[in-house]
Amino acid sequence: MRVTHAMYRACNTTAPLATYTTGNDSITITTRGHHYFICGVNGHCQSGQRVDINVLPTTATPSSSPASSMAAPTLSSAQSPGPSSNTAASSMASIAQALLLAMAILFHVGFA
């Protein structure tokens, strides 16, 4: 449900500005400022199922926009770095050496 600020604060569902019931609703916000939404199921708003969306005004110069300095990290920078190719190659060489040693021991034990 879309509600007023007072209704949002009180979790009041009696007279919403708009009601969305499909569970797959798409809402387009075209004006700046706060937009308040709460869940209309009894007890859900009181349990925290509510959201205050604050749409900030846009500026003529994107570089001075607060959003530009708070850009989300890209997926690659959010992931932890994997092993370097040298580290991976070194690990593979160690595994290969261990397998060769194990095969040599098994071969020797099998013919003793």
N, C-alpha and C. Protein backbone atom coordinates (compact mmCIF):
# COMPACT_ATOMS: atom_id res chain seq x y z
N MET A 1 0.84 -1.17 0.00
CA MET A 1 0.00 0.00 0.00
C MET A 1 0.88 1.24 0.00
N ARG A 2 0.48 2.21 -0.78
CA ARG A 2 1.15 3.52 -0.73
C ARG A 2 0.37 4.37 0.26
N VAL A 3 1.08 5.02 1.19
CA VAL A 3 0.41 5.76 2.26
C VAL A 3 1.09 7.11 2.49
N THR A 4 0.46 7.92 3.32
CA THR A 4 1.05 9.21 3.71
C THR A 4 2.12 8.97 4.77
N HIS A 5 2.89 10.02 5.07
CA HIS A 5 3.92 9.90 6.09
C HIS A 5 3.32 9.55 7.45
N ALA A 6 2.22 10.20 7.82
CA ALA A 6 1.58 9.91 9.11
C ALA A 6 1.10 8.46 9.16
N MET A 7 0.53 7.97 8.07
CA MET A 7 0.06 6.58 8.02
C MET A 7 1.24 5.62 8.08
N TYR A 8 2.34 5.99 7.43
CA TYR A 8 3.56 5.18 7.45
C TYR A 8 4.07 5.04 8.88
N ARG A 9 4.15 6.16 9.59
CA ARG A 9 4.68 6.15 10.96
C ARG A 9 3.79 5.32 11.90
N ALA A 10 2.48 5.35 11.68
CA ALA A 10 1.54 4.65 12.54
C ALA A 10 1.19 3.25 12.03
N CYS A 11 1.73 2.87 10.88
CA CYS A 11 1.34 1.60 10.23
C CYS A 11 -0.18 1.52 10.07
N ASN A 12 -0.76 2.63 9.62
CA ASN A 12 -2.20 2.74 9.45
C ASN A 12 -2.57 2.31 8.02
N THR A 13 -3.38 1.28 7.91
CA THR A 13 -3.76 0.75 6.60
C THR A 13 -5.21 1.07 6.23
N THR A 14 -5.87 1.97 6.98
CA THR A 14 -7.30 2.19 6.78
C THR A 14 -7.66 2.94 5.50
N ALA A 15 -6.82 3.86 5.04
CA ALA A 15 -7.16 4.66 3.85
C ALA A 15 -5.92 4.88 3.00
N PRO A 16 -5.38 3.84 2.36
CA PRO A 16 -4.16 3.99 1.57
C PRO A 16 -4.39 4.87 0.35
N LEU A 17 -3.30 5.51 -0.11
CA LEU A 17 -3.36 6.30 -1.34
C LEU A 17 -3.50 5.37 -2.55
N ALA A 18 -2.89 4.20 -2.46
CA ALA A 18 -2.97 3.20 -3.53
C ALA A 18 -2.76 1.83 -2.90
N THR A 19 -3.35 0.82 -3.50
CA THR A 19 -3.21 -0.55 -3.02
C THR A 19 -2.72 -1.42 -4.16
N TYR A 20 -1.74 -2.24 -3.87
CA TYR A 20 -1.16 -3.16 -4.86
C TYR A 20 -1.36 -4.57 -4.31
N THR A 21 -1.96 -5.45 -5.10
CA THR A 21 -2.36 -6.74 -4.53
C THR A 21 -1.83 -7.98 -5.26
N THR A 22 -1.15 -7.81 -6.38
CA THR A 22 -0.76 -9.00 -7.13
C THR A 22 0.51 -9.66 -6.59
N GLY A 23 1.32 -8.92 -5.86
CA GLY A 23 2.60 -9.46 -5.41
C GLY A 23 3.67 -9.32 -6.47
N ASN A 24 3.28 -8.87 -7.64
CA ASN A 24 4.20 -8.67 -8.75
C ASN A 24 3.94 -7.30 -9.38
N ASP A 25 3.60 -6.34 -8.54
CA ASP A 25 3.26 -5.01 -9.03
C ASP A 25 4.50 -4.22 -9.38
N SER A 26 4.39 -3.38 -10.40
CA SER A 26 5.46 -2.49 -10.81
C SER A 26 4.99 -1.07 -10.59
N ILE A 27 5.77 -0.30 -9.84
CA ILE A 27 5.37 1.05 -9.47
C ILE A 27 6.39 2.03 -10.06
N THR A 28 5.90 2.99 -10.82
CA THR A 28 6.77 4.01 -11.40
C THR A 28 6.61 5.28 -10.57
N ILE A 29 7.72 5.77 -10.04
CA ILE A 29 7.70 6.99 -9.25
C ILE A 29 8.24 8.11 -10.13
N THR A 30 7.43 9.14 -10.35
CA THR A 30 7.81 10.20 -11.27
C THR A 30 8.06 11.54 -10.58
N THR A 31 7.85 11.60 -9.28
CA THR A 31 8.06 12.86 -8.56
C THR A 31 9.12 12.67 -7.48
N ARG A 32 9.84 13.76 -7.20
CA ARG A 32 10.87 13.68 -6.17
C ARG A 32 10.22 13.79 -4.79
N GLY A 33 11.01 13.45 -3.79
CA GLY A 33 10.51 13.50 -2.42
C GLY A 33 10.31 12.10 -1.87
N HIS A 34 9.71 12.03 -0.68
CA HIS A 34 9.49 10.75 0.00
C HIS A 34 8.23 10.08 -0.52
N HIS A 35 8.32 8.79 -0.69
CA HIS A 35 7.19 7.96 -1.10
C HIS A 35 7.15 6.80 -0.12
N TYR A 36 6.01 6.64 0.56
CA TYR A 36 5.89 5.67 1.65
C TYR A 36 5.03 4.49 1.24
N PHE A 37 5.54 3.30 1.54
CA PHE A 37 4.84 2.06 1.23
C PHE A 37 4.88 1.16 2.46
N ILE A 38 3.75 0.50 2.75
CA ILE A 38 3.68 -0.44 3.86
C ILE A 38 2.96 -1.70 3.40
N CYS A 39 3.22 -2.80 4.09
CA CYS A 39 2.49 -4.03 3.81
C CYS A 39 1.15 -3.95 4.52
N GLY A 40 0.09 -4.30 3.82
CA GLY A 40 -1.25 -4.23 4.38
C GLY A 40 -1.67 -5.45 5.18
N VAL A 41 -0.86 -6.50 5.19
CA VAL A 41 -1.21 -7.68 5.97
C VAL A 41 -1.05 -7.36 7.45
N ASN A 42 -2.03 -7.74 8.25
CA ASN A 42 -2.04 -7.42 9.67
C ASN A 42 -0.74 -7.85 10.36
N GLY A 43 -0.07 -6.87 11.00
CA GLY A 43 1.15 -7.13 11.75
C GLY A 43 2.43 -7.02 10.96
N HIS A 44 2.36 -7.04 9.64
CA HIS A 44 3.58 -7.00 8.82
C HIS A 44 4.29 -5.65 8.91
N CYS A 45 3.55 -4.55 8.84
CA CYS A 45 4.17 -3.23 8.93
C CYS A 45 4.85 -3.07 10.28
N GLN A 46 4.17 -3.49 11.33
CA GLN A 46 4.74 -3.39 12.67
C GLN A 46 6.01 -4.24 12.80
N SER A 47 6.13 -5.27 11.99
CA SER A 47 7.32 -6.13 12.00
C SER A 47 8.42 -5.61 11.08
N GLY A 48 8.17 -4.47 10.43
CA GLY A 48 9.21 -3.85 9.62
C GLY A 48 9.02 -3.93 8.12
N GLN A 49 7.90 -4.46 7.66
CA GLN A 49 7.68 -4.54 6.22
C GLN A 49 7.08 -3.24 5.71
N ARG A 50 7.95 -2.24 5.63
CA ARG A 50 7.58 -0.93 5.12
C ARG A 50 8.83 -0.28 4.56
N VAL A 51 8.62 0.67 3.64
CA VAL A 51 9.77 1.31 3.01
C VAL A 51 9.47 2.78 2.73
N ASP A 52 10.48 3.61 2.97
CA ASP A 52 10.43 5.04 2.67
C ASP A 52 11.41 5.26 1.52
N ILE A 53 10.91 5.56 0.35
CA ILE A 53 11.75 5.81 -0.82
C ILE A 53 11.85 7.31 -1.00
N ASN A 54 13.08 7.83 -0.96
CA ASN A 54 13.29 9.27 -1.13
C ASN A 54 13.96 9.51 -2.48
N VAL A 55 13.22 10.10 -3.39
CA VAL A 55 13.74 10.41 -4.72
C VAL A 55 14.35 11.80 -4.67
N LEU A 56 15.65 11.87 -4.94
CA LEU A 56 16.37 13.14 -4.91
C LEU A 56 16.23 13.86 -6.24
N PRO A 57 16.30 15.20 -6.23
CA PRO A 57 16.24 15.95 -7.49
C PRO A 57 17.49 15.69 -8.31
N THR A 58 17.33 15.71 -9.61
CA THR A 58 18.49 15.56 -10.49
C THR A 58 19.13 16.91 -10.70
N THR A 59 20.41 16.90 -11.06
CA THR A 59 21.13 18.14 -11.31
C THR A 59 21.57 18.19 -12.76
N ALA A 60 21.92 19.38 -13.22
CA ALA A 60 22.34 19.55 -14.61
C ALA A 60 23.71 18.93 -14.87
N THR A 61 24.57 18.92 -13.85
CA THR A 61 25.91 18.35 -14.04
C THR A 61 26.01 17.03 -13.27
N PRO A 62 26.09 15.93 -13.97
CA PRO A 62 26.12 14.63 -13.31
C PRO A 62 27.27 14.47 -12.33
N SER A 63 28.40 15.15 -12.58
CA SER A 63 29.55 14.98 -11.69
C SER A 63 29.30 15.57 -10.31
N SER A 64 28.37 16.52 -10.19
CA SER A 64 28.10 17.11 -8.88
C SER A 64 26.97 16.39 -8.16
N SER A 65 26.39 15.39 -8.79
CA SER A 65 25.30 14.64 -8.19
C SER A 65 25.81 13.73 -7.09
N PRO A 66 25.12 13.67 -5.93
CA PRO A 66 25.55 12.77 -4.86
C PRO A 66 25.52 11.32 -5.31
N ALA A 67 24.60 10.97 -6.19
CA ALA A 67 24.51 9.59 -6.64
C ALA A 67 25.75 9.16 -7.42
N SER A 68 26.38 10.11 -8.15
CA SER A 68 27.55 9.72 -8.94
C SER A 68 28.72 9.35 -8.06
N SER A 69 28.82 9.95 -6.88
CA SER A 69 29.93 9.59 -6.00
C SER A 69 29.64 8.34 -5.19
N MET A 70 28.38 7.87 -5.25
CA MET A 70 28.01 6.69 -4.49
C MET A 70 27.66 5.54 -5.42
N ALA A 71 28.32 5.45 -6.54
CA ALA A 71 28.02 4.41 -7.50
C ALA A 71 28.28 3.04 -6.91
N ALA A 72 27.42 2.10 -7.24
CA ALA A 72 27.59 0.74 -6.73
C ALA A 72 28.82 0.10 -7.36
N PRO A 73 29.50 -0.74 -6.60
CA PRO A 73 30.67 -1.40 -7.16
C PRO A 73 30.26 -2.38 -8.25
N THR A 74 31.14 -2.58 -9.18
CA THR A 74 30.85 -3.55 -10.22
C THR A 74 31.02 -4.95 -9.63
N LEU A 75 30.45 -5.91 -10.28
CA LEU A 75 30.50 -7.29 -9.79
C LEU A 75 31.92 -7.76 -9.63
N SER A 76 32.80 -7.41 -10.55
CA SER A 76 34.17 -7.89 -10.47
C SER A 76 34.91 -7.31 -9.28
N SER A 77 34.62 -6.06 -8.90
CA SER A 77 35.31 -5.49 -7.75
C SER A 77 34.69 -5.95 -6.45
N ALA A 78 33.45 -6.43 -6.50
CA ALA A 78 32.80 -6.90 -5.28
C ALA A 78 33.25 -8.32 -4.92
N GLN A 79 33.73 -9.06 -5.89
CA GLN A 79 34.18 -10.42 -5.62
C GLN A 79 35.58 -10.40 -5.07
N SER A 80 35.89 -11.41 -4.27
CA SER A 80 37.26 -11.51 -3.79
C SER A 80 38.15 -11.96 -4.93
N PRO A 81 39.37 -11.48 -4.96
CA PRO A 81 40.24 -11.84 -6.08
C PRO A 81 40.59 -13.32 -6.03
N GLY A 82 40.60 -13.92 -7.20
CA GLY A 82 40.96 -15.33 -7.30
C GLY A 82 42.46 -15.47 -7.31
N PRO A 83 42.92 -16.71 -7.34
CA PRO A 83 44.37 -16.91 -7.35
C PRO A 83 44.96 -16.40 -8.66
N SER A 84 46.19 -15.89 -8.59
CA SER A 84 46.84 -15.44 -9.81
C SER A 84 47.20 -16.66 -10.64
N SER A 85 47.51 -16.45 -11.90
CA SER A 85 47.84 -17.58 -12.76
C SER A 85 49.09 -18.28 -12.27
N ASN A 86 50.04 -17.54 -11.69
CA ASN A 86 51.24 -18.16 -11.14
C ASN A 86 50.91 -19.04 -9.96
N THR A 87 50.03 -18.57 -9.07
CA THR A 87 49.63 -19.34 -7.91
C THR A 87 48.88 -20.59 -8.34
N ALA A 88 47.98 -20.44 -9.30
CA ALA A 88 47.22 -21.59 -9.78
C ALA A 88 48.14 -22.61 -10.44
N ALA A 89 49.08 -22.15 -11.24
CA ALA A 89 50.01 -23.07 -11.89
C ALA A 89 50.88 -23.77 -10.85
N SER A 90 51.31 -23.05 -9.83
CA SER A 90 52.11 -23.64 -8.78
C SER A 90 51.33 -24.70 -8.02
N SER A 91 50.06 -24.43 -7.75
CA SER A 91 49.21 -25.39 -7.05
C SER A 91 49.01 -26.64 -7.90
N MET A 92 48.80 -26.45 -9.19
CA MET A 92 48.61 -27.61 -10.08
C MET A 92 49.89 -28.45 -10.14
N ALA A 93 51.04 -27.80 -10.16
CA ALA A 93 52.31 -28.53 -10.19
C ALA A 93 52.48 -29.33 -8.91
N SER A 94 52.12 -28.77 -7.77
CA SER A 94 52.22 -29.48 -6.50
C SER A 94 51.30 -30.68 -6.46
N ILE A 95 50.11 -30.52 -6.99
CA ILE A 95 49.15 -31.63 -7.04
C ILE A 95 49.68 -32.73 -7.95
N ALA A 96 50.22 -32.34 -9.08
CA ALA A 96 50.77 -33.33 -10.02
C ALA A 96 51.92 -34.09 -9.39
N GLN A 97 52.80 -33.39 -8.67
CA GLN A 97 53.92 -34.05 -8.00
C GLN A 97 53.42 -35.02 -6.94
N ALA A 98 52.41 -34.62 -6.17
CA ALA A 98 51.87 -35.49 -5.14
C ALA A 98 51.24 -36.73 -5.75
N LEU A 99 50.54 -36.56 -6.88
CA LEU A 99 49.93 -37.71 -7.55
C LEU A 99 51.00 -38.65 -8.09
N LEU A 100 52.08 -38.11 -8.68
CA LEU A 100 53.16 -38.95 -9.19
C LEU A 100 53.83 -39.71 -8.05
N LEU A 101 54.04 -39.06 -6.90
CA LEU A 101 54.65 -39.72 -5.75
C LEU A 101 53.73 -40.84 -5.25
N ALA A 102 52.43 -40.58 -5.16
CA ALA A 102 51.49 -41.60 -4.71
C ALA A 102 51.47 -42.78 -5.66
N MET A 103 51.51 -42.50 -6.97
CA MET A 103 51.51 -43.59 -7.97
C MET A 103 52.80 -44.41 -7.86
N ALA A 104 53.92 -43.74 -7.61
CA ALA A 104 55.19 -44.46 -7.47
C ALA A 104 55.17 -45.36 -6.25
N ILE A 105 54.62 -44.87 -5.16
CA ILE A 105 54.53 -45.69 -3.94
C ILE A 105 53.62 -46.88 -4.19
N LEU A 106 52.47 -46.64 -4.81
CA LEU A 106 51.56 -47.75 -5.08
C LEU A 106 52.18 -48.76 -6.03
N PHE A 107 52.87 -48.27 -7.05
CA PHE A 107 53.53 -49.15 -7.99
C PHE A 107 54.57 -50.01 -7.28
N HIS A 108 55.36 -49.39 -6.39
CA HIS A 108 56.41 -50.11 -5.65
C HIS A 108 55.79 -51.11 -4.70
N VAL A 109 54.75 -50.74 -3.98
CA VAL A 109 54.10 -51.64 -3.02
C VAL A 109 53.44 -52.80 -3.77
N GLY A 110 52.89 -52.53 -4.90
CA GLY A 110 52.21 -53.57 -5.66
C GLY A 110 53.15 -54.65 -6.16
N PHE A 111 54.44 -54.36 -6.38
CA PHE A 111 55.39 -55.34 -6.89
C PHE A 111 56.33 -55.84 -5.82
N ALA A 112 56.18 -55.47 -4.57
CA ALA A 112 57.11 -55.90 -3.52
C ALA A 112 56.85 -57.30 -3.05
